[in-house]
Protein backbone atom coordinates (compact mmCIF):
# COMPACT_ATOMS: atom_id res chain seq x y z
CA UNK A 1 0.00 0.00 0.00
CA UNK A 2 2.80 2.36 0.94
CA UNK A 3 4.54 1.58 -2.34
CA UNK A 4 1.40 2.40 -4.32
CA UNK A 5 0.99 5.77 -2.56
CA UNK A 6 4.62 6.61 -3.20
CA UNK A 7 4.27 5.72 -6.89
CA UNK A 8 1.11 7.85 -7.20
CA UNK A 9 2.82 10.86 -5.59
CA UNK A 10 5.80 10.46 -7.91
CA UNK A 11 3.57 10.34 -10.99
CA UNK A 12 1.63 13.47 -9.91
CA UNK A 13 4.85 15.34 -9.29
CA UNK A 14 6.12 14.34 -12.73
CA UNK A 15 2.88 15.55 -14.36
CA UNK A 16 3.13 18.89 -12.55
CA UNK A 17 6.73 19.26 -13.68
CA UNK A 18 5.72 18.61 -17.31
CA UNK A 19 2.93 21.19 -17.06
CA UNK A 20 5.32 23.78 -15.62
CA UNK A 21 7.95 23.09 -18.29
CA UNK A 22 5.32 23.28 -21.04
CA UNK A 23 3.92 26.56 -19.71
CA UNK A 24 7.43 28.02 -19.44
CA UNK A 25 8.27 26.98 -22.99
CA UNK A 26 5.06 28.55 -24.28
CA UNK A 27 5.77 31.82 -22.50
CA UNK A 28 9.34 31.85 -23.76
CA UNK A 29 8.29 31.28 -27.38
CA UNK A 30 8.51 34.58 -29.34
CA UNK A 31 5.20 36.09 -30.37
CA UNK A 32 4.69 36.15 -34.13
CA UNK A 33 3.04 39.40 -35.22
CA UNK A 34 0.69 38.90 -38.21
CA UNK A 35 1.88 40.63 -41.39
CA UNK A 36 -1.16 42.88 -41.52
CA UNK A 37 -0.32 44.23 -38.05
CA UNK A 38 3.36 44.97 -38.68
CA UNK A 39 4.64 48.46 -39.40
CA UNK A 40 5.97 49.31 -42.84
CA UNK A 41 9.50 49.56 -41.45
CA UNK A 42 9.24 46.09 -39.89
CA UNK A 43 8.01 44.65 -43.18
CA UNK A 44 10.88 46.28 -45.06
CA UNK A 45 13.42 44.79 -42.64
CA UNK A 46 11.88 41.33 -43.10
CA UNK A 47 11.76 41.73 -46.89
CA UNK A 48 15.42 42.76 -46.93
CA UNK A 49 16.14 39.49 -45.11
CA UNK A 50 14.44 37.57 -47.93
CA UNK A 51 10.90 37.29 -46.56
CA UNK A 52 8.73 37.25 -49.70
CA UNK A 53 5.50 37.23 -47.70
CA UNK A 54 6.54 40.49 -46.02
CA UNK A 55 7.30 42.03 -49.41
CA UNK A 56 3.91 40.89 -50.74
CA UNK A 57 2.28 42.78 -47.87
CA UNK A 58 4.28 45.88 -48.87
CA UNK A 59 2.97 45.47 -52.41
CA UNK A 60 -0.59 45.48 -51.10
CA UNK A 61 0.03 48.64 -49.08
CA UNK A 62 1.98 50.63 -51.69
CA UNK A 63 0.30 49.52 -54.92
CA UNK A 64 -2.15 52.48 -54.92
CA UNK A 65 0.73 54.93 -54.50
CA UNK A 66 2.85 53.35 -57.22
CA UNK A 67 -0.11 53.16 -59.57
CA UNK A 68 -0.88 56.86 -59.00
CA UNK A 69 2.73 57.86 -59.74
CA UNK A 70 2.68 55.86 -62.98
CA UNK A 71 -0.78 57.10 -63.97
CA UNK A 72 0.29 60.75 -63.74
CA UNK A 73 2.88 60.06 -66.43
CA UNK A 74 1.47 57.42 -68.76
CA UNK A 75 -2.18 58.57 -68.49
CA UNK A 76 -3.52 55.12 -69.25
CA UNK A 77 -4.79 52.72 -66.58
CA UNK A 78 -3.66 49.54 -68.35
CA UNK A 79 -0.18 50.90 -68.97
CA UNK A 80 0.03 52.29 -65.44
CA UNK A 81 -0.78 48.82 -64.08
CA UNK A 82 1.97 47.33 -66.25
CA UNK A 83 4.45 49.90 -64.97
CA UNK A 84 3.41 49.23 -61.38
CA UNK A 85 4.04 45.51 -61.83
CA UNK A 86 7.48 46.24 -63.25
CA UNK A 87 8.21 48.59 -60.34
CA UNK A 88 7.57 45.92 -57.72
CA UNK A 89 9.58 43.32 -59.63
CA UNK A 90 12.47 45.78 -59.76
CA UNK A 91 12.04 46.68 -56.09
CA UNK A 92 12.13 43.04 -54.98
CA UNK A 93 15.34 42.41 -56.91
CA UNK A 94 17.03 45.55 -55.58
CA UNK A 95 15.57 45.88 -52.09
CA UNK A 96 19.02 45.44 -50.59
CA UNK A 97 19.74 48.95 -51.90
CA UNK A 98 17.42 50.46 -49.29
CA UNK A 99 19.70 52.05 -46.71
CA UNK A 100 17.05 52.79 -44.11
CA UNK A 101 13.60 51.17 -43.85
CA UNK A 102 11.85 54.53 -43.39
CA UNK A 103 13.12 55.62 -46.82
CA UNK A 104 11.47 52.70 -48.60
CA UNK A 105 8.39 54.68 -49.69
CA UNK A 106 10.44 57.46 -51.30
CA UNK A 107 12.79 54.94 -52.92
CA UNK A 108 9.79 53.08 -54.37
CA UNK A 109 8.26 56.30 -55.74
CA UNK A 110 11.53 57.17 -57.47
CA UNK A 111 11.61 53.77 -59.16
CA UNK A 112 7.99 54.24 -60.24
CA UNK A 113 8.67 57.70 -61.68
CA UNK A 114 11.77 56.55 -63.54
CA UNK A 115 10.14 53.48 -65.08
CA UNK A 116 7.01 55.41 -66.02
CA UNK A 117 9.06 58.06 -67.78
CA UNK A 118 11.05 55.39 -69.59
CA UNK A 119 7.79 53.77 -70.65
CA UNK A 120 6.51 57.04 -72.06
CA UNK A 121 9.74 57.84 -73.85
CA UNK A 122 9.77 54.44 -75.58
CA UNK A 123 6.32 55.00 -77.10
CA UNK A 124 6.61 56.14 -80.74
CA UNK A 125 5.33 59.67 -81.28
CA UNK A 126 3.41 59.49 -78.04
CA UNK A 127 4.40 61.00 -74.74
CA UNK A 128 2.85 62.35 -71.61
CA UNK A 129 5.34 65.17 -71.95
CA UNK A 130 3.32 66.91 -74.62
CA UNK A 131 4.66 70.03 -76.27
CA UNK A 132 1.49 71.93 -75.48
CA UNK A 133 2.43 71.74 -71.83
CA UNK A 134 5.70 73.42 -72.52
CA UNK A 135 3.93 76.44 -73.94
CA UNK A 136 2.17 77.05 -70.63
CA UNK A 137 5.26 76.92 -68.48
CA UNK A 138 5.92 79.97 -66.39
CA UNK A 139 9.13 81.54 -67.59
CA UNK A 140 11.35 81.28 -64.56
CA UNK A 141 14.06 81.47 -67.20
CA UNK A 142 13.81 81.21 -70.95
CA UNK A 143 12.85 77.59 -71.58
CA UNK A 144 14.49 75.91 -74.59
CA UNK A 145 11.18 74.47 -75.72
CA UNK A 146 9.15 77.71 -75.87
CA UNK A 147 6.78 77.72 -78.78
CA UNK A 148 6.95 73.96 -79.36
CA UNK A 149 3.29 73.42 -80.03
CA UNK A 150 2.94 71.31 -83.13
CA UNK A 151 3.41 67.59 -83.64
CA UNK A 152 6.83 67.88 -85.25
CA UNK A 153 8.19 69.96 -82.44
CA UNK A 154 6.58 67.63 -79.91
CA UNK A 155 8.57 64.78 -81.46
CA UNK A 156 11.75 66.80 -81.19
CA UNK A 157 11.09 67.44 -77.51
CA UNK A 158 10.39 63.74 -76.96
CA UNK A 159 13.64 62.82 -78.67
CA UNK A 160 15.59 65.33 -76.60
CA UNK A 161 14.15 64.11 -73.31
CA UNK A 162 14.81 60.50 -74.26
CA UNK A 163 18.54 61.27 -74.49
CA UNK A 164 18.78 62.92 -71.09
CA UNK A 165 20.11 61.11 -68.06
CA UNK A 166 17.45 59.75 -65.66
CA UNK A 167 18.07 62.46 -63.07
CA UNK A 168 17.66 65.25 -65.65
CA UNK A 169 14.46 63.66 -66.99
CA UNK A 170 13.00 63.19 -63.52
CA UNK A 171 13.85 66.79 -62.58
CA UNK A 172 12.22 68.34 -65.66
CA UNK A 173 9.13 66.17 -65.47
CA UNK A 174 8.60 66.84 -61.78
CA UNK A 175 8.87 70.61 -62.19
CA UNK A 176 7.17 71.23 -65.52
CA UNK A 177 4.70 68.41 -65.98
CA UNK A 178 3.74 67.51 -62.44
CA UNK A 179 3.76 71.12 -61.30
CA UNK A 180 5.83 70.45 -58.19
CA UNK A 181 7.48 73.33 -56.40
CA UNK A 182 11.20 73.21 -55.69
CA UNK A 183 10.31 72.66 -52.03
CA UNK A 184 8.22 69.60 -52.88
CA UNK A 185 10.97 68.31 -55.14
CA UNK A 186 13.46 68.85 -52.36
CA UNK A 187 11.44 66.50 -50.17
CA UNK A 188 10.81 63.84 -52.82
CA UNK A 189 14.39 63.84 -54.13
CA UNK A 190 15.81 64.14 -50.62
CA UNK A 191 18.02 67.05 -51.69
CA UNK A 192 18.38 70.69 -50.57
CA UNK A 193 16.36 73.35 -52.41
CA UNK A 194 19.56 74.89 -53.74
CA UNK A 195 20.56 71.57 -55.27
CA UNK A 196 17.15 71.22 -56.94
CA UNK A 197 17.49 74.68 -58.50
CA UNK A 198 20.93 73.82 -59.85
CA UNK A 199 19.58 70.56 -61.27
CA UNK A 200 16.77 72.41 -63.03
CA UNK A 201 19.22 74.84 -64.56
CA UNK A 202 21.53 72.02 -65.66
CA UNK A 203 18.70 69.87 -67.03
CA UNK A 204 17.28 72.76 -69.05
CA UNK A 205 20.70 73.50 -70.53
CA UNK A 206 21.23 69.86 -71.45
CA UNK A 207 17.81 69.59 -73.06
CA UNK A 208 18.51 72.75 -75.03
CA UNK A 209 21.72 71.16 -76.30
CA UNK A 210 19.95 67.95 -77.24
CA UNK A 211 17.22 69.85 -79.11
CA UNK A 212 19.80 71.90 -80.94
CA UNK A 213 21.67 68.74 -81.93
CA UNK A 214 18.49 67.10 -83.21
CA UNK A 215 17.45 70.14 -85.22
CA UNK A 216 20.85 70.55 -86.86
CA UNK A 217 21.35 66.84 -87.58
C-alpha atoms as a PDB file:
ATOM      1  CA  UNK A   1       0.000   0.000   0.000  1.00  0.00           C
ATOM      2  CA  UNK A   2       2.797   2.358   0.939  1.00  0.00           C
ATOM      3  CA  UNK A   3       4.542   1.580  -2.343  1.00  0.00           C
ATOM      4  CA  UNK A   4       1.397   2.400  -4.323  1.00  0.00           C
ATOM      5  CA  UNK A   5       0.986   5.765  -2.561  1.00  0.00           C
ATOM      6  CA  UNK A   6       4.619   6.608  -3.196  1.00  0.00           C
ATOM      7  CA  UNK A   7       4.274   5.722  -6.888  1.00  0.00           C
ATOM      8  CA  UNK A   8       1.114   7.854  -7.195  1.00  0.00           C
ATOM      9  CA  UNK A   9       2.820  10.860  -5.591  1.00  0.00           C
ATOM     10  CA  UNK A  10       5.803  10.455  -7.913  1.00  0.00           C
ATOM     11  CA  UNK A  11       3.572  10.337 -10.994  1.00  0.00           C
ATOM     12  CA  UNK A  12       1.629  13.465  -9.909  1.00  0.00           C
ATOM     13  CA  UNK A  13       4.854  15.336  -9.293  1.00  0.00           C
ATOM     14  CA  UNK A  14       6.121  14.339 -12.730  1.00  0.00           C
ATOM     15  CA  UNK A  15       2.881  15.547 -14.361  1.00  0.00           C
ATOM     16  CA  UNK A  16       3.133  18.886 -12.552  1.00  0.00           C
ATOM     17  CA  UNK A  17       6.734  19.256 -13.683  1.00  0.00           C
ATOM     18  CA  UNK A  18       5.720  18.614 -17.311  1.00  0.00           C
ATOM     19  CA  UNK A  19       2.927  21.188 -17.055  1.00  0.00           C
ATOM     20  CA  UNK A  20       5.321  23.783 -15.621  1.00  0.00           C
ATOM     21  CA  UNK A  21       7.949  23.090 -18.292  1.00  0.00           C
ATOM     22  CA  UNK A  22       5.317  23.282 -21.038  1.00  0.00           C
ATOM     23  CA  UNK A  23       3.924  26.562 -19.713  1.00  0.00           C
ATOM     24  CA  UNK A  24       7.434  28.025 -19.438  1.00  0.00           C
ATOM     25  CA  UNK A  25       8.269  26.980 -22.994  1.00  0.00           C
ATOM     26  CA  UNK A  26       5.063  28.552 -24.279  1.00  0.00           C
ATOM     27  CA  UNK A  27       5.772  31.822 -22.497  1.00  0.00           C
ATOM     28  CA  UNK A  28       9.341  31.852 -23.760  1.00  0.00           C
ATOM     29  CA  UNK A  29       8.291  31.276 -27.376  1.00  0.00           C
ATOM     30  CA  UNK A  30       8.515  34.583 -29.342  1.00  0.00           C
ATOM     31  CA  UNK A  31       5.195  36.094 -30.368  1.00  0.00           C
ATOM     32  CA  UNK A  32       4.689  36.155 -34.132  1.00  0.00           C
ATOM     33  CA  UNK A  33       3.035  39.401 -35.217  1.00  0.00           C
ATOM     34  CA  UNK A  34       0.692  38.905 -38.211  1.00  0.00           C
ATOM     35  CA  UNK A  35       1.884  40.630 -41.386  1.00  0.00           C
ATOM     36  CA  UNK A  36      -1.156  42.885 -41.523  1.00  0.00           C
ATOM     37  CA  UNK A  37      -0.320  44.233 -38.053  1.00  0.00           C
ATOM     38  CA  UNK A  38       3.360  44.969 -38.682  1.00  0.00           C
ATOM     39  CA  UNK A  39       4.642  48.462 -39.403  1.00  0.00           C
ATOM     40  CA  UNK A  40       5.972  49.312 -42.842  1.00  0.00           C
ATOM     41  CA  UNK A  41       9.495  49.558 -41.450  1.00  0.00           C
ATOM     42  CA  UNK A  42       9.240  46.089 -39.894  1.00  0.00           C
ATOM     43  CA  UNK A  43       8.012  44.646 -43.184  1.00  0.00           C
ATOM     44  CA  UNK A  44      10.883  46.279 -45.057  1.00  0.00           C
ATOM     45  CA  UNK A  45      13.417  44.787 -42.643  1.00  0.00           C
ATOM     46  CA  UNK A  46      11.877  41.330 -43.105  1.00  0.00           C
ATOM     47  CA  UNK A  47      11.761  41.733 -46.886  1.00  0.00           C
ATOM     48  CA  UNK A  48      15.420  42.755 -46.932  1.00  0.00           C
ATOM     49  CA  UNK A  49      16.144  39.492 -45.112  1.00  0.00           C
ATOM     50  CA  UNK A  50      14.444  37.567 -47.928  1.00  0.00           C
ATOM     51  CA  UNK A  51      10.900  37.285 -46.562  1.00  0.00           C
ATOM     52  CA  UNK A  52       8.731  37.249 -49.696  1.00  0.00           C
ATOM     53  CA  UNK A  53       5.496  37.226 -47.699  1.00  0.00           C
ATOM     54  CA  UNK A  54       6.538  40.487 -46.023  1.00  0.00           C
ATOM     55  CA  UNK A  55       7.299  42.028 -49.408  1.00  0.00           C
ATOM     56  CA  UNK A  56       3.907  40.885 -50.742  1.00  0.00           C
ATOM     57  CA  UNK A  57       2.284  42.780 -47.872  1.00  0.00           C
ATOM     58  CA  UNK A  58       4.278  45.885 -48.868  1.00  0.00           C
ATOM     59  CA  UNK A  59       2.975  45.468 -52.415  1.00  0.00           C
ATOM     60  CA  UNK A  60      -0.595  45.477 -51.096  1.00  0.00           C
ATOM     61  CA  UNK A  61       0.033  48.639 -49.078  1.00  0.00           C
ATOM     62  CA  UNK A  62       1.978  50.626 -51.690  1.00  0.00           C
ATOM     63  CA  UNK A  63       0.301  49.517 -54.916  1.00  0.00           C
ATOM     64  CA  UNK A  64      -2.154  52.479 -54.921  1.00  0.00           C
ATOM     65  CA  UNK A  65       0.730  54.934 -54.498  1.00  0.00           C
ATOM     66  CA  UNK A  66       2.854  53.348 -57.219  1.00  0.00           C
ATOM     67  CA  UNK A  67      -0.114  53.163 -59.575  1.00  0.00           C
ATOM     68  CA  UNK A  68      -0.880  56.863 -58.999  1.00  0.00           C
ATOM     69  CA  UNK A  69       2.726  57.859 -59.743  1.00  0.00           C
ATOM     70  CA  UNK A  70       2.677  55.859 -62.979  1.00  0.00           C
ATOM     71  CA  UNK A  71      -0.779  57.101 -63.967  1.00  0.00           C
ATOM     72  CA  UNK A  72       0.290  60.750 -63.739  1.00  0.00           C
ATOM     73  CA  UNK A  73       2.879  60.056 -66.425  1.00  0.00           C
ATOM     74  CA  UNK A  74       1.468  57.416 -68.757  1.00  0.00           C
ATOM     75  CA  UNK A  75      -2.184  58.569 -68.488  1.00  0.00           C
ATOM     76  CA  UNK A  76      -3.522  55.115 -69.249  1.00  0.00           C
ATOM     77  CA  UNK A  77      -4.785  52.716 -66.580  1.00  0.00           C
ATOM     78  CA  UNK A  78      -3.657  49.543 -68.350  1.00  0.00           C
ATOM     79  CA  UNK A  79      -0.177  50.902 -68.975  1.00  0.00           C
ATOM     80  CA  UNK A  80       0.027  52.287 -65.440  1.00  0.00           C
ATOM     81  CA  UNK A  81      -0.775  48.824 -64.076  1.00  0.00           C
ATOM     82  CA  UNK A  82       1.975  47.334 -66.245  1.00  0.00           C
ATOM     83  CA  UNK A  83       4.453  49.903 -64.972  1.00  0.00           C
ATOM     84  CA  UNK A  84       3.409  49.231 -61.375  1.00  0.00           C
ATOM     85  CA  UNK A  85       4.038  45.512 -61.834  1.00  0.00           C
ATOM     86  CA  UNK A  86       7.480  46.238 -63.251  1.00  0.00           C
ATOM     87  CA  UNK A  87       8.207  48.589 -60.341  1.00  0.00           C
ATOM     88  CA  UNK A  88       7.570  45.922 -57.724  1.00  0.00           C
ATOM     89  CA  UNK A  89       9.576  43.319 -59.630  1.00  0.00           C
ATOM     90  CA  UNK A  90      12.474  45.776 -59.758  1.00  0.00           C
ATOM     91  CA  UNK A  91      12.037  46.682 -56.091  1.00  0.00           C
ATOM     92  CA  UNK A  92      12.132  43.044 -54.981  1.00  0.00           C
ATOM     93  CA  UNK A  93      15.345  42.415 -56.906  1.00  0.00           C
ATOM     94  CA  UNK A  94      17.033  45.552 -55.583  1.00  0.00           C
ATOM     95  CA  UNK A  95      15.566  45.879 -52.087  1.00  0.00           C
ATOM     96  CA  UNK A  96      19.023  45.443 -50.591  1.00  0.00           C
ATOM     97  CA  UNK A  97      19.744  48.948 -51.902  1.00  0.00           C
ATOM     98  CA  UNK A  98      17.422  50.459 -49.290  1.00  0.00           C
ATOM     99  CA  UNK A  99      19.702  52.053 -46.712  1.00  0.00           C
ATOM    100  CA  UNK A 100      17.052  52.794 -44.112  1.00  0.00           C
ATOM    101  CA  UNK A 101      13.598  51.168 -43.850  1.00  0.00           C
ATOM    102  CA  UNK A 102      11.851  54.527 -43.395  1.00  0.00           C
ATOM    103  CA  UNK A 103      13.116  55.621 -46.824  1.00  0.00           C
ATOM    104  CA  UNK A 104      11.472  52.701 -48.600  1.00  0.00           C
ATOM    105  CA  UNK A 105       8.394  54.680 -49.693  1.00  0.00           C
ATOM    106  CA  UNK A 106      10.435  57.458 -51.302  1.00  0.00           C
ATOM    107  CA  UNK A 107      12.786  54.939 -52.918  1.00  0.00           C
ATOM    108  CA  UNK A 108       9.794  53.081 -54.365  1.00  0.00           C
ATOM    109  CA  UNK A 109       8.261  56.302 -55.743  1.00  0.00           C
ATOM    110  CA  UNK A 110      11.526  57.169 -57.471  1.00  0.00           C
ATOM    111  CA  UNK A 111      11.606  53.768 -59.162  1.00  0.00           C
ATOM    112  CA  UNK A 112       7.989  54.240 -60.244  1.00  0.00           C
ATOM    113  CA  UNK A 113       8.665  57.697 -61.676  1.00  0.00           C
ATOM    114  CA  UNK A 114      11.767  56.550 -63.543  1.00  0.00           C
ATOM    115  CA  UNK A 115      10.140  53.479 -65.080  1.00  0.00           C
ATOM    116  CA  UNK A 116       7.005  55.410 -66.016  1.00  0.00           C
ATOM    117  CA  UNK A 117       9.057  58.065 -67.783  1.00  0.00           C
ATOM    118  CA  UNK A 118      11.048  55.389 -69.586  1.00  0.00           C
ATOM    119  CA  UNK A 119       7.791  53.765 -70.646  1.00  0.00           C
ATOM    120  CA  UNK A 120       6.505  57.036 -72.057  1.00  0.00           C
ATOM    121  CA  UNK A 121       9.740  57.842 -73.853  1.00  0.00           C
ATOM    122  CA  UNK A 122       9.774  54.442 -75.577  1.00  0.00           C
ATOM    123  CA  UNK A 123       6.318  55.002 -77.095  1.00  0.00           C
ATOM    124  CA  UNK A 124       6.607  56.136 -80.745  1.00  0.00           C
ATOM    125  CA  UNK A 125       5.334  59.671 -81.280  1.00  0.00           C
ATOM    126  CA  UNK A 126       3.406  59.486 -78.037  1.00  0.00           C
ATOM    127  CA  UNK A 127       4.397  60.995 -74.742  1.00  0.00           C
ATOM    128  CA  UNK A 128       2.846  62.350 -71.606  1.00  0.00           C
ATOM    129  CA  UNK A 129       5.344  65.174 -71.951  1.00  0.00           C
ATOM    130  CA  UNK A 130       3.317  66.915 -74.618  1.00  0.00           C
ATOM    131  CA  UNK A 131       4.663  70.029 -76.274  1.00  0.00           C
ATOM    132  CA  UNK A 132       1.488  71.932 -75.481  1.00  0.00           C
ATOM    133  CA  UNK A 133       2.428  71.743 -71.830  1.00  0.00           C
ATOM    134  CA  UNK A 134       5.703  73.420 -72.519  1.00  0.00           C
ATOM    135  CA  UNK A 135       3.935  76.444 -73.937  1.00  0.00           C
ATOM    136  CA  UNK A 136       2.168  77.051 -70.633  1.00  0.00           C
ATOM    137  CA  UNK A 137       5.262  76.917 -68.479  1.00  0.00           C
ATOM    138  CA  UNK A 138       5.920  79.972 -66.389  1.00  0.00           C
ATOM    139  CA  UNK A 139       9.135  81.540 -67.591  1.00  0.00           C
ATOM    140  CA  UNK A 140      11.352  81.283 -64.556  1.00  0.00           C
ATOM    141  CA  UNK A 141      14.064  81.470 -67.204  1.00  0.00           C
ATOM    142  CA  UNK A 142      13.814  81.214 -70.953  1.00  0.00           C
ATOM    143  CA  UNK A 143      12.848  77.587 -71.580  1.00  0.00           C
ATOM    144  CA  UNK A 144      14.488  75.912 -74.591  1.00  0.00           C
ATOM    145  CA  UNK A 145      11.180  74.470 -75.724  1.00  0.00           C
ATOM    146  CA  UNK A 146       9.151  77.708 -75.871  1.00  0.00           C
ATOM    147  CA  UNK A 147       6.778  77.722 -78.776  1.00  0.00           C
ATOM    148  CA  UNK A 148       6.948  73.959 -79.363  1.00  0.00           C
ATOM    149  CA  UNK A 149       3.287  73.416 -80.032  1.00  0.00           C
ATOM    150  CA  UNK A 150       2.936  71.309 -83.132  1.00  0.00           C
ATOM    151  CA  UNK A 151       3.411  67.588 -83.643  1.00  0.00           C
ATOM    152  CA  UNK A 152       6.834  67.875 -85.252  1.00  0.00           C
ATOM    153  CA  UNK A 153       8.188  69.965 -82.438  1.00  0.00           C
ATOM    154  CA  UNK A 154       6.585  67.629 -79.912  1.00  0.00           C
ATOM    155  CA  UNK A 155       8.567  64.780 -81.456  1.00  0.00           C
ATOM    156  CA  UNK A 156      11.753  66.798 -81.186  1.00  0.00           C
ATOM    157  CA  UNK A 157      11.090  67.439 -77.514  1.00  0.00           C
ATOM    158  CA  UNK A 158      10.392  63.743 -76.959  1.00  0.00           C
ATOM    159  CA  UNK A 159      13.643  62.820 -78.667  1.00  0.00           C
ATOM    160  CA  UNK A 160      15.591  65.329 -76.604  1.00  0.00           C
ATOM    161  CA  UNK A 161      14.155  64.114 -73.308  1.00  0.00           C
ATOM    162  CA  UNK A 162      14.812  60.496 -74.263  1.00  0.00           C
ATOM    163  CA  UNK A 163      18.537  61.272 -74.489  1.00  0.00           C
ATOM    164  CA  UNK A 164      18.781  62.915 -71.090  1.00  0.00           C
ATOM    165  CA  UNK A 165      20.115  61.109 -68.064  1.00  0.00           C
ATOM    166  CA  UNK A 166      17.450  59.747 -65.663  1.00  0.00           C
ATOM    167  CA  UNK A 167      18.072  62.461 -63.072  1.00  0.00           C
ATOM    168  CA  UNK A 168      17.665  65.247 -65.652  1.00  0.00           C
ATOM    169  CA  UNK A 169      14.462  63.660 -66.994  1.00  0.00           C
ATOM    170  CA  UNK A 170      13.002  63.194 -63.518  1.00  0.00           C
ATOM    171  CA  UNK A 171      13.850  66.790 -62.577  1.00  0.00           C
ATOM    172  CA  UNK A 172      12.217  68.341 -65.657  1.00  0.00           C
ATOM    173  CA  UNK A 173       9.128  66.165 -65.475  1.00  0.00           C
ATOM    174  CA  UNK A 174       8.600  66.836 -61.778  1.00  0.00           C
ATOM    175  CA  UNK A 175       8.875  70.614 -62.193  1.00  0.00           C
ATOM    176  CA  UNK A 176       7.173  71.230 -65.523  1.00  0.00           C
ATOM    177  CA  UNK A 177       4.703  68.411 -65.982  1.00  0.00           C
ATOM    178  CA  UNK A 178       3.735  67.514 -62.440  1.00  0.00           C
ATOM    179  CA  UNK A 179       3.764  71.119 -61.304  1.00  0.00           C
ATOM    180  CA  UNK A 180       5.826  70.449 -58.188  1.00  0.00           C
ATOM    181  CA  UNK A 181       7.477  73.328 -56.400  1.00  0.00           C
ATOM    182  CA  UNK A 182      11.200  73.206 -55.694  1.00  0.00           C
ATOM    183  CA  UNK A 183      10.311  72.660 -52.027  1.00  0.00           C
ATOM    184  CA  UNK A 184       8.218  69.602 -52.878  1.00  0.00           C
ATOM    185  CA  UNK A 185      10.965  68.314 -55.138  1.00  0.00           C
ATOM    186  CA  UNK A 186      13.463  68.851 -52.357  1.00  0.00           C
ATOM    187  CA  UNK A 187      11.437  66.497 -50.170  1.00  0.00           C
ATOM    188  CA  UNK A 188      10.806  63.839 -52.820  1.00  0.00           C
ATOM    189  CA  UNK A 189      14.393  63.845 -54.131  1.00  0.00           C
ATOM    190  CA  UNK A 190      15.813  64.142 -50.615  1.00  0.00           C
ATOM    191  CA  UNK A 191      18.015  67.053 -51.693  1.00  0.00           C
ATOM    192  CA  UNK A 192      18.379  70.692 -50.572  1.00  0.00           C
ATOM    193  CA  UNK A 193      16.365  73.351 -52.410  1.00  0.00           C
ATOM    194  CA  UNK A 194      19.565  74.894 -53.740  1.00  0.00           C
ATOM    195  CA  UNK A 195      20.557  71.569 -55.266  1.00  0.00           C
ATOM    196  CA  UNK A 196      17.148  71.220 -56.937  1.00  0.00           C
ATOM    197  CA  UNK A 197      17.493  74.679 -58.504  1.00  0.00           C
ATOM    198  CA  UNK A 198      20.929  73.818 -59.845  1.00  0.00           C
ATOM    199  CA  UNK A 199      19.582  70.559 -61.268  1.00  0.00           C
ATOM    200  CA  UNK A 200      16.771  72.411 -63.027  1.00  0.00           C
ATOM    201  CA  UNK A 201      19.220  74.843 -64.564  1.00  0.00           C
ATOM    202  CA  UNK A 202      21.526  72.023 -65.662  1.00  0.00           C
ATOM    203  CA  UNK A 203      18.703  69.866 -67.029  1.00  0.00           C
ATOM    204  CA  UNK A 204      17.276  72.759 -69.049  1.00  0.00           C
ATOM    205  CA  UNK A 205      20.698  73.495 -70.531  1.00  0.00           C
ATOM    206  CA  UNK A 206      21.235  69.857 -71.454  1.00  0.00           C
ATOM    207  CA  UNK A 207      17.809  69.592 -73.057  1.00  0.00           C
ATOM    208  CA  UNK A 208      18.511  72.746 -75.031  1.00  0.00           C
ATOM    209  CA  UNK A 209      21.721  71.155 -76.296  1.00  0.00           C
ATOM    210  CA  UNK A 210      19.946  67.949 -77.236  1.00  0.00           C
ATOM    211  CA  UNK A 211      17.216  69.846 -79.113  1.00  0.00           C
ATOM    212  CA  UNK A 212      19.804  71.903 -80.945  1.00  0.00           C
ATOM    213  CA  UNK A 213      21.674  68.742 -81.933  1.00  0.00           C
ATOM    214  CA  UNK A 214      18.495  67.100 -83.205  1.00  0.00           C
ATOM    215  CA  UNK A 215      17.453  70.142 -85.222  1.00  0.00           C
ATOM    216  CA  UNK A 216      20.854  70.546 -86.861  1.00  0.00           C
ATOM    217  CA  UNK A 217      21.348  66.839 -87.582  1.00  0.00           C
END
